[in-house]
């Protein structure tokens, strides 16, 4: 679903979870959760975990084969999809062929619908004992971002560009989802269809991500961005503007996960799902009519108002990371097609031109900030 502003407006009018003032409401709700027995148990568990999982220790594409009943899996797209048998094969670092039995099912919202994607996103599920000592050690549930359309090469570029957005955000903060590019050969176990190979990427499990950050996922709606980590929310808003993404909302928890540190009171807002970003400009992406922009390529700042000094400090931060972000696009293997590469880097050029021109920055970002509560 991609109408975050409508969701946000509707939920901002809903009855609060606790009585009292706005910020106090949220803080009390978080504090009550922080001291629950469940959280204390997770705190003890977190103390014994290193969160160093091999899957995300490398930036090189992992080559795997996924064998399943393709038609049975891809046709199971209802609201409650089932897991189906999956055989995952890859070569380990020592050249040994590794193979594990797992399960797989269709997932997602917009991309799960057949009219939008013939090849929807998938979720893999592993058993702990089958992946010990392998690249998948420590993983139980993994989301796979797929190519949506098998017969259109442009959709392969969409996958690579969304992967790059995740990587770029991880350059700016560790409070982000990690990703791993995978070169997947899909094999139909029933031999009805020919095998084919596409680049997809694996998204870090949200609970594993929260553990890595020393916290847990909290499902609390109507959380104002000012109640979340201040510096991170500022950086998040400017990053979304850089990538031309308006398809997100902290209060509505739309393409946002909240992570509450164990024993803490200030949650982190973690973004995901960037396929509607203007820098990618997918064929299916359309801006929310409420936002009054013509295309997703048109940037719109969705962050809240801050002092000019705060904005300037963030602009300097983005400037310091400019070369590293461009290097991600330049050094990607496999490389983006030349037209896609030029389109993406020109889009980034426009962002940097804006933040380094005081008048443009004031017109496009500082004066466009949100004041609504």
Protein backbone atom coordinates (compact mmCIF):
# COMPACT_ATOMS: atom_id res chain seq x y z
CA UNK A 1 0.00 0.00 0.00
CA UNK A 2 1.47 3.34 -1.02
CA UNK A 3 -0.76 6.07 0.43
CA UNK A 4 1.30 6.96 3.49
CA UNK A 5 -0.07 10.49 3.86
CA UNK A 6 -3.66 9.28 4.04
CA UNK A 7 -2.64 6.63 6.55
CA UNK A 8 -0.73 9.15 8.60
CA UNK A 9 -3.56 11.70 8.67
CA UNK A 10 -6.08 9.03 9.63
CA UNK A 11 -3.94 7.59 12.39
CA UNK A 12 -2.99 11.01 13.78
CA UNK A 13 -6.72 11.54 14.44
CA UNK A 14 -7.19 8.17 16.16
CA UNK A 15 -7.62 7.69 19.91
CA UNK A 16 -4.20 7.63 21.64
CA UNK A 17 -2.96 4.48 23.30
CA UNK A 18 -2.56 6.16 26.69
CA UNK A 19 -4.17 9.30 28.17
CA UNK A 20 -2.23 12.55 28.49
CA UNK A 21 -0.15 14.92 26.38
CA UNK A 22 1.29 13.87 23.02
CA UNK A 23 4.93 13.33 23.88
CA UNK A 24 4.09 12.05 27.35
CA UNK A 25 1.70 9.52 25.82
CA UNK A 26 4.40 7.98 23.70
CA UNK A 27 7.11 8.09 26.34
CA UNK A 28 4.91 6.42 28.95
CA UNK A 29 3.95 3.71 26.50
CA UNK A 30 7.61 3.06 25.69
CA UNK A 31 8.63 3.12 29.35
CA UNK A 32 5.93 0.63 30.30
CA UNK A 33 7.21 -1.71 27.60
CA UNK A 34 10.83 -1.23 28.61
CA UNK A 35 10.35 -2.67 32.08
CA UNK A 36 8.20 -5.64 31.09
CA UNK A 37 9.45 -9.18 31.86
CA UNK A 38 9.59 -9.89 28.13
CA UNK A 39 12.05 -7.06 27.55
CA UNK A 40 14.20 -8.08 30.50
CA UNK A 41 14.42 -11.58 29.08
CA UNK A 42 15.45 -10.16 25.72
CA UNK A 43 18.04 -7.96 27.44
CA UNK A 44 19.68 -11.05 28.95
CA UNK A 45 19.56 -12.79 25.59
CA UNK A 46 21.09 -9.76 23.86
CA UNK A 47 24.00 -9.73 26.28
CA UNK A 48 25.02 -13.19 25.08
CA UNK A 49 24.81 -12.42 21.35
CA UNK A 50 27.49 -11.03 19.08
CA UNK A 51 25.23 -10.31 16.10
CA UNK A 52 28.08 -11.01 13.70
CA UNK A 53 26.37 -13.12 11.07
CA UNK A 54 28.41 -14.29 8.07
CA UNK A 55 25.70 -13.56 5.49
CA UNK A 56 26.20 -9.81 5.81
CA UNK A 57 29.96 -9.75 6.33
CA UNK A 58 30.66 -9.52 2.59
CA UNK A 59 29.53 -7.08 -0.09
CA UNK A 60 30.19 -9.56 -2.91
CA UNK A 61 27.21 -11.14 -4.62
CA UNK A 62 26.44 -14.61 -3.29
CA UNK A 63 25.58 -17.14 -5.99
CA UNK A 64 22.82 -19.55 -5.01
CA UNK A 65 20.37 -21.92 -6.65
CA UNK A 66 16.77 -22.03 -5.41
CA UNK A 67 14.85 -25.13 -6.44
CA UNK A 68 11.11 -25.20 -5.78
CA UNK A 69 7.76 -25.95 -7.37
CA UNK A 70 7.70 -22.60 -9.16
CA UNK A 71 4.06 -22.58 -10.21
CA UNK A 72 2.79 -23.71 -6.84
CA UNK A 73 4.82 -21.10 -4.99
CA UNK A 74 4.11 -18.18 -7.32
CA UNK A 75 0.39 -18.90 -7.51
CA UNK A 76 0.01 -18.85 -3.73
CA UNK A 77 -0.61 -15.12 -3.32
CA UNK A 78 -3.55 -14.85 -0.94
CA UNK A 79 -3.63 -12.84 2.26
CA UNK A 80 -2.39 -15.93 4.12
CA UNK A 81 0.29 -17.55 1.98
CA UNK A 82 1.76 -20.95 2.83
CA UNK A 83 5.36 -22.09 3.01
CA UNK A 84 6.50 -24.55 0.35
CA UNK A 85 9.58 -26.83 0.12
CA UNK A 86 12.78 -25.15 -1.05
CA UNK A 87 16.26 -26.49 -1.78
CA UNK A 88 19.06 -23.91 -1.57
CA UNK A 89 22.47 -24.75 -3.08
CA UNK A 90 25.70 -22.73 -3.18
CA UNK A 91 29.48 -23.13 -3.18
CA UNK A 92 31.20 -22.42 0.13
CA UNK A 93 34.43 -20.41 0.32
CA UNK A 94 36.47 -23.62 0.21
CA UNK A 95 34.71 -24.67 -3.00
CA UNK A 96 32.51 -27.29 -1.38
CA UNK A 97 28.95 -27.58 -2.67
CA UNK A 98 26.55 -26.85 0.19
CA UNK A 99 22.87 -27.65 0.16
CA UNK A 100 20.11 -27.08 2.72
CA UNK A 101 16.42 -27.79 2.77
CA UNK A 102 14.32 -24.76 3.62
CA UNK A 103 10.88 -23.32 2.97
CA UNK A 104 9.71 -20.42 0.87
CA UNK A 105 6.57 -18.37 0.35
CA UNK A 106 5.36 -15.26 -1.42
CA UNK A 107 5.30 -12.07 0.65
CA UNK A 108 4.77 -8.33 0.24
CA UNK A 109 1.89 -5.97 -0.40
CA UNK A 110 1.94 -4.07 -3.69
CA UNK A 111 4.47 -6.38 -5.34
CA UNK A 112 2.61 -9.46 -4.13
CA UNK A 113 -0.33 -8.65 -6.41
CA UNK A 114 -0.22 -10.52 -9.72
CA UNK A 115 -1.22 -7.45 -11.72
CA UNK A 116 1.85 -5.63 -10.40
CA UNK A 117 4.52 -8.34 -10.35
CA UNK A 118 4.57 -11.69 -12.10
CA UNK A 119 7.49 -12.68 -9.87
CA UNK A 120 6.74 -11.38 -6.36
CA UNK A 121 9.05 -10.94 -3.36
CA UNK A 122 9.78 -14.10 -1.37
CA UNK A 123 10.47 -15.09 2.20
CA UNK A 124 12.81 -17.97 3.04
CA UNK A 125 12.71 -19.87 6.31
CA UNK A 126 15.59 -22.02 7.59
CA UNK A 127 15.91 -24.47 10.46
CA UNK A 128 18.71 -23.57 12.85
CA UNK A 129 20.51 -26.89 12.77
CA UNK A 130 20.59 -27.06 8.95
CA UNK A 131 22.53 -23.81 8.51
CA UNK A 132 25.09 -24.06 11.31
CA UNK A 133 28.59 -23.53 9.95
CA UNK A 134 27.29 -22.06 6.68
CA UNK A 135 26.91 -18.56 5.25
CA UNK A 136 23.31 -18.65 6.50
CA UNK A 137 24.26 -19.42 10.09
CA UNK A 138 22.12 -17.51 12.58
CA UNK A 139 19.40 -16.84 10.03
CA UNK A 140 15.85 -18.12 10.40
CA UNK A 141 13.68 -15.82 8.30
CA UNK A 142 14.99 -13.85 5.34
CA UNK A 143 13.20 -11.59 2.91
CA UNK A 144 14.26 -11.80 -0.72
CA UNK A 145 13.67 -8.73 -2.89
CA UNK A 146 13.10 -10.09 -6.38
CA UNK A 147 12.91 -8.74 -9.91
CA UNK A 148 9.10 -8.46 -10.22
CA UNK A 149 9.04 -9.09 -13.97
CA UNK A 150 11.15 -11.87 -15.48
CA UNK A 151 10.90 -10.87 -19.14
CA UNK A 152 11.75 -7.18 -18.76
CA UNK A 153 15.42 -6.37 -18.28
CA UNK A 154 14.60 -2.94 -16.88
CA UNK A 155 13.24 -4.58 -13.74
CA UNK A 156 16.65 -6.11 -13.08
CA UNK A 157 17.98 -2.57 -12.95
CA UNK A 158 15.30 -1.64 -10.43
CA UNK A 159 16.53 -4.37 -8.09
CA UNK A 160 20.13 -3.21 -8.33
CA UNK A 161 19.18 0.40 -7.71
CA UNK A 162 17.05 -0.39 -4.66
CA UNK A 163 19.94 -2.45 -3.33
CA UNK A 164 22.21 0.58 -3.77
CA UNK A 165 19.83 2.78 -1.79
CA UNK A 166 20.00 0.39 1.16
CA UNK A 167 23.78 0.34 0.87
CA UNK A 168 23.96 4.13 0.67
CA UNK A 169 21.89 4.57 3.81
CA UNK A 170 24.09 2.08 5.64
CA UNK A 171 27.06 4.30 4.78
CA UNK A 172 25.38 7.10 6.72
CA UNK A 173 24.31 5.11 9.78
CA UNK A 174 24.50 1.62 11.22
CA UNK A 175 20.88 2.10 12.31
CA UNK A 176 19.72 0.63 9.05
CA UNK A 177 18.86 -2.64 7.37
CA UNK A 178 21.80 -4.59 5.98
CA UNK A 179 21.48 -6.24 2.58
CA UNK A 180 23.33 -8.89 0.56
CA UNK A 181 23.23 -9.09 -3.21
CA UNK A 182 22.52 -12.59 -4.50
CA UNK A 183 22.78 -14.05 -7.98
CA UNK A 184 19.92 -16.54 -7.95
CA UNK A 185 19.36 -19.36 -10.40
CA UNK A 186 15.72 -20.41 -10.13
CA UNK A 187 15.03 -24.06 -10.86
CA UNK A 188 11.57 -25.56 -11.17
CA UNK A 189 11.54 -28.82 -9.23
CA UNK A 190 8.76 -30.09 -11.48
CA UNK A 191 10.82 -29.45 -14.65
CA UNK A 192 7.99 -27.52 -16.30
CA UNK A 193 10.01 -24.34 -16.85
CA UNK A 194 13.59 -23.68 -17.88
CA UNK A 195 15.98 -22.40 -15.19
CA UNK A 196 16.79 -18.71 -15.25
CA UNK A 197 19.16 -16.44 -13.33
CA UNK A 198 18.54 -12.98 -11.86
CA UNK A 199 20.17 -10.66 -9.35
CA UNK A 200 18.05 -10.23 -6.23
CA UNK A 201 19.00 -9.15 -2.73
CA UNK A 202 18.43 -10.45 0.78
CA UNK A 203 17.16 -8.07 3.44
CA UNK A 204 18.29 -8.44 7.03
CA UNK A 205 15.58 -9.87 9.29
CA UNK A 206 13.99 -7.05 11.27
CA UNK A 207 14.38 -8.80 14.63
CA UNK A 208 18.05 -9.53 13.89
CA UNK A 209 18.52 -5.90 12.91
CA UNK A 210 16.97 -4.77 16.19
CA UNK A 211 19.17 -7.18 18.18
CA UNK A 212 22.24 -5.85 16.39
CA UNK A 213 21.27 -2.35 17.55
CA UNK A 214 20.69 -3.52 21.11
CA UNK A 215 16.93 -3.26 21.07
CA UNK A 216 13.72 -4.71 19.76
CA UNK A 217 11.00 -3.81 17.25
CA UNK A 218 8.05 -1.91 18.75
CA UNK A 219 4.71 -1.62 16.96
CA UNK A 220 3.49 1.74 18.26
CA UNK A 221 1.67 3.97 15.79
CA UNK A 222 1.19 7.75 16.02
CA UNK A 223 4.75 8.27 17.21
CA UNK A 224 5.79 11.79 16.26
CA UNK A 225 9.26 11.99 14.66
CA UNK A 226 10.37 14.38 17.41
CA UNK A 227 9.95 11.55 19.93
CA UNK A 228 12.35 9.33 17.98
CA UNK A 229 16.12 9.79 17.86
CA UNK A 230 16.47 13.44 16.85
CA UNK A 231 19.65 13.29 14.76
CA UNK A 232 18.61 10.08 13.05
CA UNK A 233 15.16 11.40 12.09
CA UNK A 234 16.79 14.47 10.53
CA UNK A 235 19.24 12.33 8.56
CA UNK A 236 16.47 9.96 7.49
CA UNK A 237 14.31 12.79 6.13
CA UNK A 238 17.16 14.34 4.14
CA UNK A 239 18.20 10.93 2.80
CA UNK A 240 14.66 10.24 1.60
CA UNK A 241 14.70 13.63 -0.09
CA UNK A 242 18.04 12.83 -1.72
CA UNK A 243 16.62 9.62 -3.19
CA UNK A 244 13.31 11.25 -4.10
CA UNK A 245 11.26 8.98 -1.85
CA UNK A 246 7.97 10.25 -0.39
CA UNK A 247 6.57 6.78 0.30
CA UNK A 248 7.24 6.69 4.04
CA UNK A 249 5.84 7.92 7.34
CA UNK A 250 7.07 7.56 10.91
CA UNK A 251 3.67 8.18 12.60
CA UNK A 252 1.93 5.69 10.30
CA UNK A 253 4.82 3.19 10.49
CA UNK A 254 4.69 3.17 6.71
CA UNK A 255 7.91 1.65 5.39
CA UNK A 256 9.42 2.42 8.79
CA UNK A 257 10.40 0.12 11.65
CA UNK A 258 10.85 1.49 15.17
CA UNK A 259 13.63 -0.01 17.28
CA UNK A 260 13.58 0.72 21.01
CA UNK A 261 16.99 0.20 22.67
CA UNK A 262 16.89 -2.14 25.67
CA UNK A 263 16.46 0.06 28.73
CA UNK A 264 16.11 3.14 26.52
CA UNK A 265 13.31 5.61 25.94
CA UNK A 266 14.10 7.01 22.48
CA UNK A 267 13.38 4.74 19.51
CA UNK A 268 15.24 4.69 16.21
CA UNK A 269 13.26 5.06 12.99
CA UNK A 270 14.62 2.60 10.40
CA UNK A 271 13.47 2.95 6.74
CA UNK A 272 12.91 0.19 4.20
CA UNK A 273 11.18 -0.35 0.82
CA UNK A 274 12.70 2.21 -1.54
CA UNK A 275 11.30 1.00 -4.85
CA UNK A 276 9.07 4.08 -5.26
CA UNK A 277 12.05 6.43 -5.08
CA UNK A 278 12.51 8.97 -7.83
CA UNK A 279 16.13 7.97 -8.36
CA UNK A 280 14.88 4.55 -9.55
CA UNK A 281 11.73 5.82 -11.28
CA UNK A 282 10.03 2.45 -11.64
CA UNK A 283 7.30 2.07 -14.23
CA UNK A 284 4.70 1.39 -11.54
CA UNK A 285 5.58 4.17 -9.08
CA UNK A 286 3.08 7.01 -8.81
CA UNK A 287 3.14 9.86 -6.29
CA UNK A 288 0.39 10.19 -3.73
CA UNK A 289 -2.11 12.75 -5.13
CA UNK A 290 -2.25 14.43 -1.72
CA UNK A 291 1.38 15.48 -2.08
CA UNK A 292 0.69 17.55 -5.20
CA UNK A 293 3.74 16.42 -7.17
CA UNK A 294 3.56 15.30 -10.78
CA UNK A 295 5.94 12.32 -10.77
CA UNK A 296 8.08 10.43 -8.28
CA UNK A 297 11.09 12.12 -9.89
CA UNK A 298 9.95 15.40 -8.37
CA UNK A 299 11.54 15.76 -4.95
CA UNK A 300 9.48 16.83 -1.94
CA UNK A 301 10.96 17.27 1.52
CA UNK A 302 8.84 15.39 4.08
CA UNK A 303 10.90 16.12 7.18
CA UNK A 304 9.94 18.36 10.08
CA UNK A 305 11.22 21.86 10.69
CA UNK A 306 14.59 22.35 12.29
CA UNK A 307 16.81 25.37 12.76
CA UNK A 308 18.90 26.45 9.74
CA UNK A 309 21.99 25.46 11.74
CA UNK A 310 20.74 21.88 12.10
CA UNK A 311 20.02 21.66 8.39
CA UNK A 312 23.43 23.06 7.50
CA UNK A 313 25.14 20.55 9.78
CA UNK A 314 23.31 17.72 8.03
CA UNK A 315 24.18 19.11 4.61
CA UNK A 316 27.84 19.07 5.64
CA UNK A 317 27.47 15.48 6.78
CA UNK A 318 26.05 14.46 3.39
CA UNK A 319 28.85 16.31 1.63
CA UNK A 320 31.44 14.38 3.62
CA UNK A 321 29.90 11.11 2.42
CA UNK A 322 29.37 12.17 -1.18
CA UNK A 323 32.37 10.39 -2.69
CA UNK A 324 31.56 7.13 -0.88
CA UNK A 325 27.96 7.20 -2.13
CA UNK A 326 29.02 7.84 -5.72
CA UNK A 327 31.59 5.05 -5.42
CA UNK A 328 28.81 2.59 -4.60
CA UNK A 329 27.16 3.36 -7.92
CA UNK A 330 30.43 3.42 -9.86
CA UNK A 331 31.84 0.18 -8.45
CA UNK A 332 28.72 -1.99 -8.37
CA UNK A 333 29.21 -5.52 -9.69
CA UNK A 334 27.32 -6.23 -11.88
CA UNK A 335 27.36 -2.63 -13.11
CA UNK A 336 24.23 -0.66 -13.81
CA UNK A 337 23.46 -0.18 -17.48
CA UNK A 338 25.03 3.06 -18.68
CA UNK A 339 21.73 4.90 -19.11
CA UNK A 340 20.60 3.87 -15.62
CA UNK A 341 23.94 4.84 -14.11
CA UNK A 342 23.89 8.27 -15.72
CA UNK A 343 20.28 8.88 -14.73
CA UNK A 344 20.99 7.92 -11.11
CA UNK A 345 24.18 9.95 -10.73
CA UNK A 346 22.60 12.99 -12.37
CA UNK A 347 19.77 12.71 -9.85
CA UNK A 348 22.34 12.71 -7.06
CA UNK A 349 24.09 15.66 -8.71
CA UNK A 350 20.85 17.63 -8.47
CA UNK A 351 20.56 16.88 -4.75
CA UNK A 352 24.09 18.05 -4.04
CA UNK A 353 23.57 21.16 -6.14
CA UNK A 354 20.54 22.01 -3.98
CA UNK A 355 22.13 21.52 -0.57
CA UNK A 356 25.24 23.47 -1.60
CA UNK A 357 23.27 26.47 -2.87
CA UNK A 358 21.94 28.40 0.17
CA UNK A 359 19.00 29.87 -1.75
CA UNK A 360 18.03 26.54 -3.29
CA UNK A 361 18.39 24.74 0.03
CA UNK A 362 16.15 27.30 1.70
CA UNK A 363 13.49 27.13 -1.03
CA UNK A 364 13.45 23.37 -1.53
CA UNK A 365 14.14 22.01 1.97
CA UNK A 366 14.20 24.48 4.85
CA UNK A 367 11.05 26.38 3.81
CA UNK A 368 9.28 23.16 2.79
CA UNK A 369 9.68 21.49 6.19
CA UNK A 370 6.60 20.21 7.96
CA UNK A 371 5.10 21.93 11.00
CA UNK A 372 1.93 19.84 11.39
CA UNK A 373 1.58 17.88 14.59
